[in-house]
Amino acid sequence: MKKDESPAITGIKLYHNYIRPHSSLDNDTPALRAGIEIKGNNK
């Protein structure tokens, strides 16, 4: 990737922090552990 702020990097950050469960967090996401909750129909 040639740009630091490419859309791919943003997508990877979103996936890692809000969607992907982490085994070291007992299958919670980092956002869930931080108390960040996504509300709405289109999460």
N, C-alpha and C. Protein backbone atom coordinates (compact mmCIF):
# COMPACT_ATOMS: atom_id res chain seq x y z
N MET A 1 0.84 -1.16 0.00
CA MET A 1 0.00 0.00 0.00
C MET A 1 0.89 1.23 0.00
N LYS A 2 0.56 2.12 -0.85
CA LYS A 2 1.41 3.29 -1.02
C LYS A 2 0.98 4.48 -0.18
N LYS A 3 -0.27 4.49 0.27
CA LYS A 3 -0.78 5.61 1.08
C LYS A 3 -1.03 5.13 2.51
N ASP A 4 -0.71 5.98 3.47
CA ASP A 4 -0.94 5.62 4.87
C ASP A 4 -2.42 5.54 5.21
N GLU A 5 -3.23 6.37 4.60
CA GLU A 5 -4.66 6.40 4.91
C GLU A 5 -5.50 5.87 3.75
N SER A 6 -5.17 4.72 3.25
CA SER A 6 -5.95 4.13 2.16
C SER A 6 -7.23 3.53 2.74
N PRO A 7 -8.27 3.39 1.93
CA PRO A 7 -9.52 2.78 2.41
C PRO A 7 -9.31 1.36 2.94
N ALA A 8 -8.35 0.65 2.41
CA ALA A 8 -8.09 -0.72 2.88
C ALA A 8 -7.64 -0.71 4.34
N ILE A 9 -6.80 0.24 4.72
CA ILE A 9 -6.34 0.32 6.11
C ILE A 9 -7.51 0.61 7.04
N THR A 10 -8.38 1.51 6.64
CA THR A 10 -9.56 1.83 7.44
C THR A 10 -10.43 0.60 7.61
N GLY A 11 -10.63 -0.17 6.55
CA GLY A 11 -11.43 -1.39 6.62
C GLY A 11 -10.81 -2.43 7.54
N ILE A 12 -9.51 -2.57 7.50
CA ILE A 12 -8.81 -3.52 8.37
C ILE A 12 -8.97 -3.11 9.83
N LYS A 13 -8.85 -1.83 10.11
CA LYS A 13 -9.03 -1.34 11.49
C LYS A 13 -10.45 -1.60 11.99
N LEU A 14 -11.45 -1.34 11.15
CA LEU A 14 -12.84 -1.58 11.53
C LEU A 14 -13.08 -3.06 11.79
N TYR A 15 -12.60 -3.91 10.91
CA TYR A 15 -12.78 -5.35 11.08
C TYR A 15 -12.12 -5.83 12.37
N HIS A 16 -10.89 -5.39 12.60
CA HIS A 16 -10.13 -5.85 13.76
C HIS A 16 -10.76 -5.40 15.08
N ASN A 17 -11.26 -4.18 15.13
CA ASN A 17 -11.74 -3.62 16.39
C ASN A 17 -13.23 -3.83 16.66
N TYR A 18 -14.04 -4.02 15.62
CA TYR A 18 -15.48 -4.07 15.83
C TYR A 18 -16.15 -5.37 15.42
N ILE A 19 -15.52 -6.18 14.58
CA ILE A 19 -16.19 -7.36 14.04
C ILE A 19 -15.52 -8.65 14.49
N ARG A 20 -14.21 -8.72 14.42
CA ARG A 20 -13.48 -9.97 14.67
C ARG A 20 -13.38 -10.28 16.16
N PRO A 21 -13.89 -11.43 16.60
CA PRO A 21 -13.72 -11.83 17.99
C PRO A 21 -12.26 -12.23 18.26
N HIS A 22 -11.77 -11.90 19.42
CA HIS A 22 -10.38 -12.20 19.79
C HIS A 22 -10.36 -13.25 20.90
N SER A 23 -9.59 -14.29 20.70
CA SER A 23 -9.54 -15.37 21.68
C SER A 23 -8.97 -14.90 23.01
N SER A 24 -8.06 -13.94 23.00
CA SER A 24 -7.48 -13.45 24.25
C SER A 24 -8.47 -12.60 25.04
N LEU A 25 -9.56 -12.20 24.41
CA LEU A 25 -10.61 -11.42 25.08
C LEU A 25 -11.87 -12.27 25.29
N ASP A 26 -11.69 -13.57 25.38
CA ASP A 26 -12.81 -14.51 25.53
C ASP A 26 -13.83 -14.34 24.42
N ASN A 27 -13.34 -14.20 23.20
CA ASN A 27 -14.14 -14.06 21.98
C ASN A 27 -14.98 -12.80 21.93
N ASP A 28 -14.61 -11.78 22.67
CA ASP A 28 -15.21 -10.45 22.54
C ASP A 28 -14.38 -9.65 21.55
N THR A 29 -14.95 -8.56 21.06
CA THR A 29 -14.19 -7.64 20.22
C THR A 29 -13.55 -6.59 21.11
N PRO A 30 -12.47 -5.95 20.68
CA PRO A 30 -11.88 -4.88 21.48
C PRO A 30 -12.88 -3.75 21.77
N ALA A 31 -13.72 -3.43 20.81
CA ALA A 31 -14.71 -2.36 21.02
C ALA A 31 -15.69 -2.75 22.12
N LEU A 32 -16.14 -3.99 22.11
CA LEU A 32 -17.06 -4.45 23.14
C LEU A 32 -16.42 -4.37 24.52
N ARG A 33 -15.17 -4.78 24.63
CA ARG A 33 -14.46 -4.71 25.91
C ARG A 33 -14.24 -3.28 26.38
N ALA A 34 -14.14 -2.36 25.42
CA ALA A 34 -13.95 -0.95 25.76
C ALA A 34 -15.27 -0.25 26.08
N GLY A 35 -16.38 -0.97 25.92
CA GLY A 35 -17.68 -0.40 26.21
C GLY A 35 -18.29 0.37 25.05
N ILE A 36 -17.76 0.16 23.86
CA ILE A 36 -18.29 0.83 22.67
C ILE A 36 -19.32 -0.09 22.04
N GLU A 37 -20.56 0.36 21.97
CA GLU A 37 -21.62 -0.46 21.42
C GLU A 37 -22.15 0.19 20.16
N ILE A 38 -22.28 -0.60 19.11
CA ILE A 38 -22.82 -0.13 17.85
C ILE A 38 -24.32 -0.40 17.87
N LYS A 39 -25.11 0.64 17.65
CA LYS A 39 -26.58 0.49 17.66
C LYS A 39 -27.11 0.77 16.27
N GLY A 40 -28.27 0.22 15.99
CA GLY A 40 -28.92 0.45 14.72
C GLY A 40 -29.09 -0.83 13.93
N ASN A 41 -29.80 -0.71 12.82
CA ASN A 41 -30.08 -1.88 12.00
C ASN A 41 -28.94 -2.23 11.09
N ASN A 42 -28.12 -1.27 10.70
CA ASN A 42 -27.02 -1.50 9.75
C ASN A 42 -25.69 -1.38 10.47
N LYS A 43 -25.34 -2.40 11.22
CA LYS A 43 -24.10 -2.35 11.98
C LYS A 43 -22.94 -2.59 11.08
